[in-house]
Structures are given as structure tokens and as C-alpha cells.
């Protein structure tokens, strides 16, 4: 994923910063504990497509 794109993307729910998890191909919002998928190098920034992180899941 392009570093400049990552700098400007924010969580669509809380507008907070996102963390890239390359291994899982996700962008993670620590505040909302949501993981947004990256499909074909395109981040899917829809709350309905986000996955809730488990309570014991490491955010990174």
C-alpha cells in the first residue's frame, strides 16, 4: 500500500488514525477495534465490511 495514501486515510467511524497490518491485509482502528480489509491493494473503508477485533487480538 502506498505510504502517502496511508497517511491521509482515517477511520470512517471515528476519524482516528489507522495502522497497517500487512500480514492480514487490513487497516486497523485501535479506538474502535475495527479492521478494514484491503482487497487488490484497495482499502475497503466501509463500516459494514469491517471486522470487529477480538478482545484478546493484538492490534499491533
PDB file of N, CA and C in Angstrom:
ATOM      1  N   UNK A   1       0.842  -1.177   0.000  1.00  0.00           N
ATOM      2  CA  UNK A   1       0.000   0.000   0.000  1.00  0.00           C
ATOM      3  C   UNK A   1       0.885   1.237   0.000  1.00  0.00           C
ATOM      4  N   UNK A   2       0.467   2.228  -0.723  1.00  0.00           N
ATOM      5  CA  UNK A   2       1.209   3.470  -0.855  1.00  0.00           C
ATOM      6  C   UNK A   2       1.267   4.202   0.489  1.00  0.00           C
ATOM      7  N   UNK A   3       2.466   4.615   0.894  1.00  0.00           N
ATOM      8  CA  UNK A   3       2.660   5.287   2.182  1.00  0.00           C
ATOM      9  C   UNK A   3       1.901   6.609   2.255  1.00  0.00           C
ATOM     10  N   UNK A   4       1.848   7.344   1.150  1.00  0.00           N
ATOM     11  CA  UNK A   4       1.128   8.625   1.152  1.00  0.00           C
ATOM     12  C   UNK A   4      -0.373   8.414   1.352  1.00  0.00           C
ATOM     13  N   UNK A   5      -0.912   7.371   0.753  1.00  0.00           N
ATOM     14  CA  UNK A   5      -2.328   7.066   0.927  1.00  0.00           C
ATOM     15  C   UNK A   5      -2.597   6.702   2.382  1.00  0.00           C
ATOM     16  N   UNK A   6      -1.729   5.918   2.970  1.00  0.00           N
ATOM     17  CA  UNK A   6      -1.893   5.515   4.363  1.00  0.00           C
ATOM     18  C   UNK A   6      -1.879   6.728   5.290  1.00  0.00           C
ATOM     19  N   UNK A   7      -1.101   7.735   4.968  1.00  0.00           N
ATOM     20  CA  UNK A   7      -1.028   8.941   5.790  1.00  0.00           C
ATOM     21  C   UNK A   7      -2.348   9.716   5.810  1.00  0.00           C
ATOM     22  N   UNK A   8      -3.092   9.696   4.716  1.00  0.00           N
ATOM     23  CA  UNK A   8      -4.319  10.502   4.651  1.00  0.00           C
ATOM     24  C   UNK A   8      -5.583   9.730   4.999  1.00  0.00           C
ATOM     25  N   UNK A   9      -5.514   8.398   4.997  1.00  0.00           N
ATOM     26  CA  UNK A   9      -6.697   7.612   5.339  1.00  0.00           C
ATOM     27  C   UNK A   9      -6.956   7.665   6.844  1.00  0.00           C
ATOM     28  N   UNK A  10      -8.222   7.782   7.216  1.00  0.00           N
ATOM     29  CA  UNK A  10      -8.636   7.747   8.612  1.00  0.00           C
ATOM     30  C   UNK A  10      -9.817   6.793   8.745  1.00  0.00           C
ATOM     31  N   UNK A  11     -10.094   6.423   9.958  1.00  0.00           N
ATOM     32  CA  UNK A  11     -11.236   5.555  10.232  1.00  0.00           C
ATOM     33  C   UNK A  11     -12.521   6.290   9.838  1.00  0.00           C
ATOM     34  N   UNK A  12     -13.388   5.659   9.064  1.00  0.00           N
ATOM     35  CA  UNK A  12     -14.642   6.322   8.666  1.00  0.00           C
ATOM     36  C   UNK A  12     -15.631   6.477   9.825  1.00  0.00           C
ATOM     37  N   UNK A  13     -15.408   5.768  10.921  1.00  0.00           N
ATOM     38  CA  UNK A  13     -16.317   5.828  12.063  1.00  0.00           C
ATOM     39  C   UNK A  13     -15.933   6.973  13.005  1.00  0.00           C
ATOM     40  N   UNK A  14     -14.658   6.994  13.444  1.00  0.00           N
ATOM     41  CA  UNK A  14     -14.239   7.983  14.444  1.00  0.00           C
ATOM     42  C   UNK A  14     -13.256   9.017  13.913  1.00  0.00           C
ATOM     43  N   UNK A  15     -12.830   8.860  12.668  1.00  0.00           N
ATOM     44  CA  UNK A  15     -11.851   9.755  12.024  1.00  0.00           C
ATOM     45  C   UNK A  15     -10.463   9.665  12.660  1.00  0.00           C
ATOM     46  N   UNK A  16     -10.213   8.577  13.384  1.00  0.00           N
ATOM     47  CA  UNK A  16      -8.908   8.355  14.011  1.00  0.00           C
ATOM     48  C   UNK A  16      -7.916   7.722  13.048  1.00  0.00           C
ATOM     49  N   UNK A  17      -6.647   7.634  13.464  1.00  0.00           N
ATOM     50  CA  UNK A  17      -5.601   7.056  12.613  1.00  0.00           C
ATOM     51  C   UNK A  17      -5.781   5.546  12.447  1.00  0.00           C
ATOM     52  N   UNK A  18      -5.188   5.035  11.375  1.00  0.00           N
ATOM     53  CA  UNK A  18      -5.253   3.609  11.078  1.00  0.00           C
ATOM     54  C   UNK A  18      -3.846   3.019  11.090  1.00  0.00           C
ATOM     55  N   UNK A  19      -3.763   1.740  11.447  1.00  0.00           N
ATOM     56  CA  UNK A  19      -2.497   1.014  11.463  1.00  0.00           C
ATOM     57  C   UNK A  19      -2.567  -0.069  10.393  1.00  0.00           C
ATOM     58  N   UNK A  20      -1.547  -0.144   9.569  1.00  0.00           N
ATOM     59  CA  UNK A  20      -1.491  -1.164   8.518  1.00  0.00           C
ATOM     60  C   UNK A  20      -0.997  -2.478   9.089  1.00  0.00           C
ATOM     61  N   UNK A  21      -1.746  -3.540   8.870  1.00  0.00           N
ATOM     62  CA  UNK A  21      -1.311  -4.903   9.215  1.00  0.00           C
ATOM     63  C   UNK A  21      -1.091  -5.627   7.896  1.00  0.00           C
ATOM     64  N   UNK A  22       0.164  -5.610   7.439  1.00  0.00           N
ATOM     65  CA  UNK A  22       0.491  -6.198   6.135  1.00  0.00           C
ATOM     66  C   UNK A  22       0.165  -7.680   6.086  1.00  0.00           C
ATOM     67  N   UNK A  23       0.476  -8.395   7.153  1.00  0.00           N
ATOM     68  CA  UNK A  23       0.258  -9.842   7.164  1.00  0.00           C
ATOM     69  C   UNK A  23      -1.203 -10.216   6.957  1.00  0.00           C
ATOM     70  N   UNK A  24      -2.113  -9.410   7.513  1.00  0.00           N
ATOM     71  CA  UNK A  24      -3.544  -9.699   7.405  1.00  0.00           C
ATOM     72  C   UNK A  24      -4.212  -8.889   6.300  1.00  0.00           C
ATOM     73  N   UNK A  25      -3.459  -7.989   5.646  1.00  0.00           N
ATOM     74  CA  UNK A  25      -4.018  -7.117   4.615  1.00  0.00           C
ATOM     75  C   UNK A  25      -5.230  -6.362   5.147  1.00  0.00           C
ATOM     76  N   UNK A  26      -4.989  -5.637   6.260  1.00  0.00           N
ATOM     77  CA  UNK A  26      -6.050  -4.870   6.907  1.00  0.00           C
ATOM     78  C   UNK A  26      -5.518  -3.521   7.372  1.00  0.00           C
ATOM     79  N   UNK A  27      -6.428  -2.576   7.520  1.00  0.00           N
ATOM     80  CA  UNK A  27      -6.161  -1.313   8.187  1.00  0.00           C
ATOM     81  C   UNK A  27      -6.953  -1.345   9.482  1.00  0.00           C
ATOM     82  N   UNK A  28      -6.272  -1.133  10.604  1.00  0.00           N
ATOM     83  CA  UNK A  28      -6.896  -1.297  11.910  1.00  0.00           C
ATOM     84  C   UNK A  28      -7.064   0.044  12.605  1.00  0.00           C
ATOM     85  N   UNK A  29      -8.246   0.267  13.156  1.00  0.00           N
ATOM     86  CA  UNK A  29      -8.520   1.415  14.009  1.00  0.00           C
ATOM     87  C   UNK A  29      -8.450   0.913  15.447  1.00  0.00           C
ATOM     88  N   UNK A  30      -7.462   1.408  16.199  1.00  0.00           N
ATOM     89  CA  UNK A  30      -7.293   0.971  17.587  1.00  0.00           C
ATOM     90  C   UNK A  30      -8.444   1.448  18.465  1.00  0.00           C
ATOM     91  N   UNK A  31      -8.941   2.649  18.218  1.00  0.00           N
ATOM     92  CA  UNK A  31     -10.006   3.210  19.042  1.00  0.00           C
ATOM     93  C   UNK A  31     -11.312   2.435  18.948  1.00  0.00           C
ATOM     94  N   UNK A  32     -11.702   2.091  17.745  1.00  0.00           N
ATOM     95  CA  UNK A  32     -12.969   1.369  17.535  1.00  0.00           C
ATOM     96  C   UNK A  32     -12.797  -0.142  17.508  1.00  0.00           C
ATOM     97  N   UNK A  33     -11.526  -0.597  17.478  1.00  0.00           N
ATOM     98  CA  UNK A  33     -11.205  -2.029  17.381  1.00  0.00           C
ATOM     99  C   UNK A  33     -11.874  -2.646  16.148  1.00  0.00           C
ATOM    100  N   UNK A  34     -11.714  -1.943  15.019  1.00  0.00           N
ATOM    101  CA  UNK A  34     -12.240  -2.421  13.742  1.00  0.00           C
ATOM    102  C   UNK A  34     -11.080  -2.634  12.776  1.00  0.00           C
ATOM    103  N   UNK A  35     -11.205  -3.645  11.927  1.00  0.00           N
ATOM    104  CA  UNK A  35     -10.211  -3.924  10.898  1.00  0.00           C
ATOM    105  C   UNK A  35     -10.894  -3.833   9.540  1.00  0.00           C
ATOM    106  N   UNK A  36     -10.370  -2.929   8.706  1.00  0.00           N
ATOM    107  CA  UNK A  36     -10.916  -2.722   7.371  1.00  0.00           C
ATOM    108  C   UNK A  36     -10.065  -3.498   6.373  1.00  0.00           C
ATOM    109  N   UNK A  37     -10.676  -4.325   5.530  1.00  0.00           N
ATOM    110  CA  UNK A  37      -9.902  -5.164   4.609  1.00  0.00           C
ATOM    111  C   UNK A  37      -9.269  -4.362   3.468  1.00  0.00           C
ATOM    112  N   UNK A  38      -8.177  -4.901   2.956  1.00  0.00           N
ATOM    113  CA  UNK A  38      -7.537  -4.367   1.752  1.00  0.00           C
ATOM    114  C   UNK A  38      -7.675  -5.456   0.693  1.00  0.00           C
ATOM    115  N   UNK A  39      -8.390  -5.145  -0.382  1.00  0.00           N
ATOM    116  CA  UNK A  39      -8.623  -6.123  -1.456  1.00  0.00           C
ATOM    117  C   UNK A  39      -8.016  -5.591  -2.749  1.00  0.00           C
ATOM    118  N   UNK A  40      -7.139  -6.363  -3.355  1.00  0.00           N
ATOM    119  CA  UNK A  40      -6.472  -5.957  -4.600  1.00  0.00           C
ATOM    120  C   UNK A  40      -5.798  -4.593  -4.452  1.00  0.00           C
ATOM    121  N   UNK A  41      -5.136  -4.380  -3.315  1.00  0.00           N
ATOM    122  CA  UNK A  41      -4.431  -3.134  -2.990  1.00  0.00           C
ATOM    123  C   UNK A  41      -5.351  -1.928  -2.828  1.00  0.00           C
ATOM    124  N   UNK A  42      -6.640  -2.170  -2.634  1.00  0.00           N
ATOM    125  CA  UNK A  42      -7.604  -1.087  -2.437  1.00  0.00           C
ATOM    126  C   UNK A  42      -8.248  -1.258  -1.060  1.00  0.00           C
ATOM    127  N   UNK A  43      -8.081  -0.258  -0.172  1.00  0.00           N
ATOM    128  CA  UNK A  43      -8.723  -0.358   1.141  1.00  0.00           C
ATOM    129  C   UNK A  43     -10.233  -0.198   1.027  1.00  0.00           C
ATOM    130  N   UNK A  44     -10.950  -1.089   1.678  1.00  0.00           N
ATOM    131  CA  UNK A  44     -12.416  -1.042   1.689  1.00  0.00           C
ATOM    132  C   UNK A  44     -12.819  -0.368   3.001  1.00  0.00           C
ATOM    133  N   UNK A  45     -13.159   0.900   2.916  1.00  0.00           N
ATOM    134  CA  UNK A  45     -13.392   1.714   4.103  1.00  0.00           C
ATOM    135  C   UNK A  45     -14.878   1.823   4.442  1.00  0.00           C
ATOM    136  N   UNK A  46     -15.568   0.721   4.409  1.00  0.00           N
ATOM    137  CA  UNK A  46     -16.987   0.675   4.750  1.00  0.00           C
ATOM    138  C   UNK A  46     -17.155   0.002   6.103  1.00  0.00           C
ATOM    139  N   UNK A  47     -17.886   0.632   6.991  1.00  0.00           N
ATOM    140  CA  UNK A  47     -18.100   0.054   8.318  1.00  0.00           C
ATOM    141  C   UNK A  47     -18.761  -1.316   8.212  1.00  0.00           C
ATOM    142  N   UNK A  48     -19.630  -1.489   7.245  1.00  0.00           N
ATOM    143  CA  UNK A  48     -20.328  -2.767   7.080  1.00  0.00           C
ATOM    144  C   UNK A  48     -19.388  -3.896   6.667  1.00  0.00           C
ATOM    145  N   UNK A  49     -18.250  -3.579   6.050  1.00  0.00           N
ATOM    146  CA  UNK A  49     -17.276  -4.597   5.652  1.00  0.00           C
ATOM    147  C   UNK A  49     -16.167  -4.785   6.688  1.00  0.00           C
ATOM    148  N   UNK A  50     -16.146  -3.949   7.714  1.00  0.00           N
ATOM    149  CA  UNK A  50     -15.110  -4.036   8.741  1.00  0.00           C
ATOM    150  C   UNK A  50     -15.369  -5.231   9.641  1.00  0.00           C
ATOM    151  N   UNK A  51     -14.277  -5.723  10.183  1.00  0.00           N
ATOM    152  CA  UNK A  51     -14.340  -6.857  11.110  1.00  0.00           C
ATOM    153  C   UNK A  51     -14.022  -6.327  12.508  1.00  0.00           C
ATOM    154  N   UNK A  52     -14.817  -6.750  13.489  1.00  0.00           N
ATOM    155  CA  UNK A  52     -14.531  -6.371  14.873  1.00  0.00           C
ATOM    156  C   UNK A  52     -13.390  -7.228  15.394  1.00  0.00           C
ATOM    157  N   UNK A  53     -12.444  -6.579  16.052  1.00  0.00           N
ATOM    158  CA  UNK A  53     -11.324  -7.307  16.611  1.00  0.00           C
ATOM    159  C   UNK A  53     -11.727  -7.993  17.905  1.00  0.00           C
ATOM    160  N   UNK A  54     -11.237  -9.188  18.102  1.00  0.00           N
ATOM    161  CA  UNK A  54     -11.496  -9.925  19.331  1.00  0.00           C
ATOM    162  C   UNK A  54     -10.819  -9.207  20.496  1.00  0.00           C
ATOM    163  N   UNK A  55     -11.355  -9.378  21.690  1.00  0.00           N
ATOM    164  CA  UNK A  55     -10.820  -8.699  22.869  1.00  0.00           C
ATOM    165  C   UNK A  55      -9.352  -9.049  23.116  1.00  0.00           C
ATOM    166  N   UNK A  56      -8.955 -10.272  22.787  1.00  0.00           N
ATOM    167  CA  UNK A  56      -7.580 -10.695  23.042  1.00  0.00           C
ATOM    168  C   UNK A  56      -6.667 -10.568  21.814  1.00  0.00           C
ATOM    169  N   UNK A  57      -7.189 -10.016  20.740  1.00  0.00           N
ATOM    170  CA  UNK A  57      -6.414  -9.882  19.491  1.00  0.00           C
ATOM    171  C   UNK A  57      -5.434  -8.718  19.577  1.00  0.00           C
ATOM    172  N   UNK A  58      -4.189  -8.973  19.202  1.00  0.00           N
ATOM    173  CA  UNK A  58      -3.154  -7.947  19.217  1.00  0.00           C
ATOM    174  C   UNK A  58      -3.394  -6.977  18.068  1.00  0.00           C
ATOM    175  N   UNK A  59      -3.414  -5.692  18.383  1.00  0.00           N
ATOM    176  CA  UNK A  59      -3.682  -4.680  17.375  1.00  0.00           C
ATOM    177  C   UNK A  59      -2.425  -4.348  16.576  1.00  0.00           C
ATOM    178  N   UNK A  60      -1.298  -4.395  17.223  1.00  0.00           N
ATOM    179  CA  UNK A  60      -0.049  -4.141  16.512  1.00  0.00           C
ATOM    180  C   UNK A  60       0.470  -2.755  16.604  1.00  0.00           C
TER     181      UNK A  60
END
